[in-house]
Protein backbone atom coordinates (compact mmCIF):
# COMPACT_ATOMS: atom_id res chain seq x y z
CA MET A 1 0.53 -7.79 -24.37
CA SER A 2 -2.30 -8.73 -26.65
CA ARG A 3 -4.86 -6.02 -27.52
CA PHE A 4 -7.85 -8.29 -26.83
CA ILE A 5 -7.31 -7.99 -23.09
CA HIS A 6 -9.35 -5.03 -21.97
CA ASN A 7 -9.94 -3.07 -18.82
CA TYR A 8 -12.39 -0.47 -17.63
CA LEU A 9 -9.92 1.95 -16.08
CA ARG A 10 -10.54 4.81 -18.49
CA SER A 11 -14.34 4.59 -18.38
CA VAL A 12 -14.42 4.38 -14.56
CA ARG A 13 -11.98 7.29 -14.26
CA LYS A 14 -13.94 9.49 -16.67
CA ARG A 15 -17.24 8.62 -14.99
CA ALA A 16 -15.71 9.76 -11.69
CA GLY A 17 -14.54 13.00 -13.33
CA PHE A 18 -10.82 12.60 -12.65
CA SER A 19 -7.81 13.29 -14.85
CA GLN A 20 -5.04 10.77 -15.34
CA GLU A 21 -2.83 12.99 -13.18
CA ASP A 22 -5.40 12.89 -10.34
CA ILE A 23 -5.53 9.10 -10.46
CA ALA A 24 -1.75 8.87 -10.72
CA PHE A 25 -1.47 10.80 -7.47
CA LEU A 26 -4.02 8.54 -5.74
CA LEU A 27 -2.22 5.42 -7.01
CA GLY A 28 1.17 6.76 -5.92
CA CYS A 29 2.48 7.11 -9.49
CA HIS A 30 4.72 9.99 -10.53
CA SER A 31 2.73 11.03 -13.59
CA GLY A 32 -0.47 10.51 -15.52
CA ALA A 33 1.57 8.86 -18.27
CA LYS A 34 1.68 5.64 -16.28
CA VAL A 35 -2.10 5.70 -15.84
CA SER A 36 -2.39 6.24 -19.59
CA ARG A 37 -0.25 3.16 -20.20
CA TYR A 38 -2.49 1.09 -17.90
CA GLU A 39 -5.61 2.38 -19.63
CA ASN A 40 -4.20 1.76 -23.12
CA LEU A 41 -2.92 -1.71 -22.26
CA THR A 42 0.71 -0.92 -22.99
CA ARG A 43 1.60 -1.70 -19.37
CA GLU A 44 0.09 -4.21 -16.99
CA PRO A 45 -0.17 -2.98 -13.39
CA ASN A 46 1.55 -4.90 -10.63
CA LEU A 47 -0.50 -6.31 -7.76
CA HIS A 48 0.00 -3.25 -5.55
CA THR A 49 -1.23 -0.93 -8.31
CA ALA A 50 -4.17 -3.19 -9.22
CA LEU A 51 -5.27 -3.23 -5.57
CA ALA A 52 -4.81 0.54 -5.39
CA CYS A 53 -7.12 0.83 -8.42
CA GLN A 54 -9.67 -1.24 -6.54
CA ALA A 55 -9.34 1.01 -3.50
CA VAL A 56 -9.64 4.20 -5.55
CA TYR A 57 -12.52 3.16 -7.79
CA ARG A 58 -14.19 0.81 -5.27
CA VAL A 59 -14.60 -1.78 -7.99
CA PRO A 60 -13.17 -5.32 -7.57
CA VAL A 61 -9.94 -5.95 -9.48
CA HIS A 62 -11.50 -8.72 -11.56
CA GLU A 63 -14.15 -6.24 -12.75
CA LEU A 64 -11.61 -3.51 -13.55
CA PHE A 65 -9.46 -5.95 -15.52
CA PRO A 66 -11.92 -8.54 -16.87
CA GLY A 67 -9.76 -9.49 -19.84
CA ILE A 68 -6.73 -10.28 -17.71
CA TYR A 69 -8.92 -12.03 -15.15
CA THR A 70 -10.55 -14.24 -17.80
CA LEU A 71 -7.16 -15.21 -19.21
CA VAL A 72 -5.76 -16.02 -15.75
CA GLU A 73 -8.90 -17.96 -14.79
CA LYS A 74 -8.63 -20.14 -17.93
CA GLN A 75 -4.98 -20.87 -17.17
CA VAL A 76 -5.78 -21.82 -13.56
CA LYS A 77 -8.61 -24.11 -14.70
CA ARG A 78 -6.28 -25.91 -17.12
CA ARG A 79 -3.63 -26.34 -14.42
CA ALA A 80 -6.25 -27.59 -11.93
CA PHE A 81 -7.33 -30.24 -14.43
CA VAL A 82 -3.72 -31.34 -14.94
CA LEU A 83 -2.96 -31.36 -11.21
CA LYS A 84 -6.09 -33.38 -10.44
CA SER A 85 -5.03 -36.02 -12.94
CA GLN A 86 -1.57 -36.19 -11.33
CA LEU A 87 -2.69 -36.57 -7.71
CA ASP A 88 -1.24 -39.55 -5.89
CA THR A 89 -4.09 -41.92 -5.05
CA GLU A 90 -2.11 -43.51 -2.24
CA GLY A 91 -2.22 -42.12 1.27
CA ASN A 92 -4.75 -40.07 3.18
CA GLU A 93 -8.13 -40.62 1.49
CA VAL A 94 -9.77 -37.67 3.24
CA LEU A 95 -7.04 -35.31 2.10
CA LEU A 96 -7.21 -36.70 -1.42
CA ARG A 97 -10.97 -36.16 -1.56
CA GLN A 98 -10.52 -32.62 -0.24
CA LYS A 99 -7.90 -31.82 -2.87
CA CYS A 100 -10.02 -33.34 -5.65
CA ALA A 101 -13.08 -31.38 -4.56
CA PHE A 102 -11.14 -28.13 -4.40
CA LEU A 103 -9.58 -28.68 -7.82
CA GLU A 104 -12.98 -29.63 -9.21
CA SER A 105 -14.38 -26.36 -7.85
CA LEU A 106 -11.67 -24.49 -9.76
CA GLU A 107 -12.46 -26.37 -12.95
CA LEU A 108 -16.21 -25.77 -12.62
CA GLY A 109 -15.90 -22.18 -11.42
CA ILE A 110 -17.92 -22.76 -8.25
CA GLU A 111 -17.18 -22.17 -4.61
CA PRO A 112 -15.44 -25.03 -2.74
CA GLU A 113 -18.29 -25.06 -0.21
CA GLU A 114 -20.75 -25.98 -2.98
CA VAL A 115 -18.53 -28.85 -4.12
CA ARG A 116 -18.11 -30.13 -0.58
CA HIS A 117 -21.87 -30.60 -0.23
CA VAL A 118 -22.02 -32.44 -3.53
CA VAL A 119 -18.99 -34.67 -2.91
CA TRP A 120 -19.24 -35.61 0.77
CA GLU A 121 -22.12 -36.91 2.78
CA ASN A 122 -20.90 -35.24 5.97
CA PRO A 123 -18.76 -32.21 5.12
CA LYS A 124 -18.34 -31.22 8.77
CA GLN A 125 -15.88 -34.08 9.22
CA LEU A 126 -13.42 -32.47 6.83
CA PRO A 127 -11.15 -29.46 7.31
CA LEU A 128 -12.13 -26.19 5.64
CA PHE A 129 -10.36 -25.13 2.47
């Protein structure tokens, strides 16, 4: 994994006054060595562990792992752009508009609700995302 991807696990843990062994116990790990690997970016936590970190530190996952989140967000935005360009224009126009608006919201980094009000005159006619 690239060293530019950072996280705030160590700083949050130290601010809370816990050892790596304490956090390992709370996360359900067998030793503090695994926590050390997460903190030093030599191991990426799985979803269960990332959510456990959120539960322990009470900080959203995307704030604990901003480097990973930024990388994933960029990849999703690129794929949304590609998918939008590949959408079949034949068929259900309402569904097509809904898909386009949702993909546009991903590209722009805004909530789908905000896009719906920009794209449609009467958003209540359409199903929720």
